[in-house]
Amino acid sequence: MVNRKFTIETEKEKNGRWLAEVLELPGAMAYGKTRGDARARAEALALRVIAEELENTTTSRVSSFSNITFLHP
């Protein structure tokens, strides 16, 4: 069993919206009205990126795994 952990950092912008970034997936960022909304959107985006990589590449940086964990420090 291969486990993968993805760290999501959040930041509140001056305009009041939240930005969440998946550190292990460059460019995987999402905005939300709340911190929780931004995190949920970032998690969904990360899962789409992972699924796309698994379906379309023979050598993927995420490789095959059976457990995904999102960390919210």
C-alpha atoms as a PDB file:
ATOM      1  CA  MET A   1       0.000   0.000   0.000  1.00  0.00           C
ATOM      2  CA  VAL A   2       1.407   3.368  -1.011  1.00  0.00           C
ATOM      3  CA  ASN A   3       0.246   6.430   0.918  1.00  0.00           C
ATOM      4  CA  ARG A   4       0.489   9.970  -0.379  1.00  0.00           C
ATOM      5  CA  LYS A   5       0.098  13.117   1.673  1.00  0.00           C
ATOM      6  CA  PHE A   6      -0.654  16.499   0.162  1.00  0.00           C
ATOM      7  CA  THR A   7      -0.236  19.687   2.159  1.00  0.00           C
ATOM      8  CA  ILE A   8      -2.716  22.504   1.613  1.00  0.00           C
ATOM      9  CA  GLU A   9      -1.717  25.980   2.752  1.00  0.00           C
ATOM     10  CA  THR A  10      -4.288  28.737   2.974  1.00  0.00           C
ATOM     11  CA  GLU A  11      -3.956  32.484   2.962  1.00  0.00           C
ATOM     12  CA  LYS A  12      -6.535  35.232   3.300  1.00  0.00           C
ATOM     13  CA  GLU A  13      -6.089  37.984   0.744  1.00  0.00           C
ATOM     14  CA  LYS A  14      -6.671  41.675   1.363  1.00  0.00           C
ATOM     15  CA  ASN A  15      -9.938  41.549  -0.590  1.00  0.00           C
ATOM     16  CA  GLY A  16     -11.290  38.950   1.863  1.00  0.00           C
ATOM     17  CA  ARG A  17     -11.224  35.849  -0.301  1.00  0.00           C
ATOM     18  CA  TRP A  18      -9.176  32.779   0.604  1.00  0.00           C
ATOM     19  CA  LEU A  19      -6.502  31.099  -1.494  1.00  0.00           C
ATOM     20  CA  ALA A  20      -5.590  27.440  -0.947  1.00  0.00           C
ATOM     21  CA  GLU A  21      -2.529  25.840  -2.543  1.00  0.00           C
ATOM     22  CA  VAL A  22      -1.567  22.164  -2.773  1.00  0.00           C
ATOM     23  CA  LEU A  23       2.186  22.412  -2.223  1.00  0.00           C
ATOM     24  CA  GLU A  24       3.109  19.073  -3.797  1.00  0.00           C
ATOM     25  CA  LEU A  25       1.266  19.863  -7.056  1.00  0.00           C
ATOM     26  CA  PRO A  26       2.689  23.026  -8.656  1.00  0.00           C
ATOM     27  CA  GLY A  27      -0.068  25.297  -9.892  1.00  0.00           C
ATOM     28  CA  ALA A  28      -2.830  23.558  -7.936  1.00  0.00           C
ATOM     29  CA  MET A  29      -4.486  26.560  -6.319  1.00  0.00           C
ATOM     30  CA  ALA A  30      -8.104  27.480  -5.674  1.00  0.00           C
ATOM     31  CA  TYR A  31     -10.038  30.443  -4.307  1.00  0.00           C
ATOM     32  CA  GLY A  32     -13.022  30.404  -1.973  1.00  0.00           C
ATOM     33  CA  LYS A  33     -15.209  32.732   0.059  1.00  0.00           C
ATOM     34  CA  THR A  34     -14.170  30.912   3.235  1.00  0.00           C
ATOM     35  CA  ARG A  35     -11.060  28.977   4.276  1.00  0.00           C
ATOM     36  CA  GLY A  36     -13.039  25.732   4.174  1.00  0.00           C
ATOM     37  CA  ASP A  37     -14.421  26.483   0.725  1.00  0.00           C
ATOM     38  CA  ALA A  38     -10.937  27.202  -0.644  1.00  0.00           C
ATOM     39  CA  ARG A  39      -9.565  23.992   0.911  1.00  0.00           C
ATOM     40  CA  ALA A  40     -12.388  21.892  -0.516  1.00  0.00           C
ATOM     41  CA  ARG A  41     -11.866  23.371  -3.976  1.00  0.00           C
ATOM     42  CA  ALA A  42      -8.109  22.762  -3.763  1.00  0.00           C
ATOM     43  CA  GLU A  43      -8.662  19.135  -2.710  1.00  0.00           C
ATOM     44  CA  ALA A  44     -11.068  18.584  -5.613  1.00  0.00           C
ATOM     45  CA  LEU A  45      -8.592  20.140  -8.036  1.00  0.00           C
ATOM     46  CA  ALA A  46      -5.762  17.977  -6.687  1.00  0.00           C
ATOM     47  CA  LEU A  47      -7.847  14.833  -7.163  1.00  0.00           C
ATOM     48  CA  ARG A  48      -8.610  15.834 -10.765  1.00  0.00           C
ATOM     49  CA  VAL A  49      -4.897  16.457 -11.446  1.00  0.00           C
ATOM     50  CA  ILE A  50      -3.953  13.097  -9.924  1.00  0.00           C
ATOM     51  CA  ALA A  51      -6.653  11.248 -11.881  1.00  0.00           C
ATOM     52  CA  GLU A  52      -5.563  12.905 -15.131  1.00  0.00           C
ATOM     53  CA  GLU A  53      -1.937  11.950 -14.546  1.00  0.00           C
ATOM     54  CA  LEU A  54      -2.797   8.360 -13.689  1.00  0.00           C
ATOM     55  CA  GLU A  55      -4.969   7.991 -16.797  1.00  0.00           C
ATOM     56  CA  ASN A  56      -2.669   9.655 -19.311  1.00  0.00           C
ATOM     57  CA  THR A  57       0.935   8.958 -18.424  1.00  0.00           C
ATOM     58  CA  THR A  58       3.063   5.874 -18.052  1.00  0.00           C
ATOM     59  CA  THR A  59       5.439   7.606 -15.634  1.00  0.00           C
ATOM     60  CA  SER A  60       3.571   9.780 -13.191  1.00  0.00           C
ATOM     61  CA  ARG A  61       4.978  11.769 -10.315  1.00  0.00           C
ATOM     62  CA  VAL A  62       2.047  10.547  -8.243  1.00  0.00           C
ATOM     63  CA  SER A  63       2.397   6.880  -9.329  1.00  0.00           C
ATOM     64  CA  SER A  64      -0.101   4.267  -8.173  1.00  0.00           C
ATOM     65  CA  PHE A  65      -1.294   4.528  -4.597  1.00  0.00           C
ATOM     66  CA  SER A  66      -4.212   3.471  -2.482  1.00  0.00           C
ATOM     67  CA  ASN A  67      -4.465   6.178   0.172  1.00  0.00           C
ATOM     68  CA  ILE A  68      -4.561   9.969  -0.140  1.00  0.00           C
ATOM     69  CA  THR A  69      -4.364  12.322   2.833  1.00  0.00           C
ATOM     70  CA  PHE A  70      -4.763  16.085   2.751  1.00  0.00           C
ATOM     71  CA  LEU A  71      -2.967  17.933   5.553  1.00  0.00           C
ATOM     72  CA  HIS A  72      -4.150  21.341   6.743  1.00  0.00           C
ATOM     73  CA  PRO A  73      -1.365  22.831   8.879  1.00  0.00           C
END
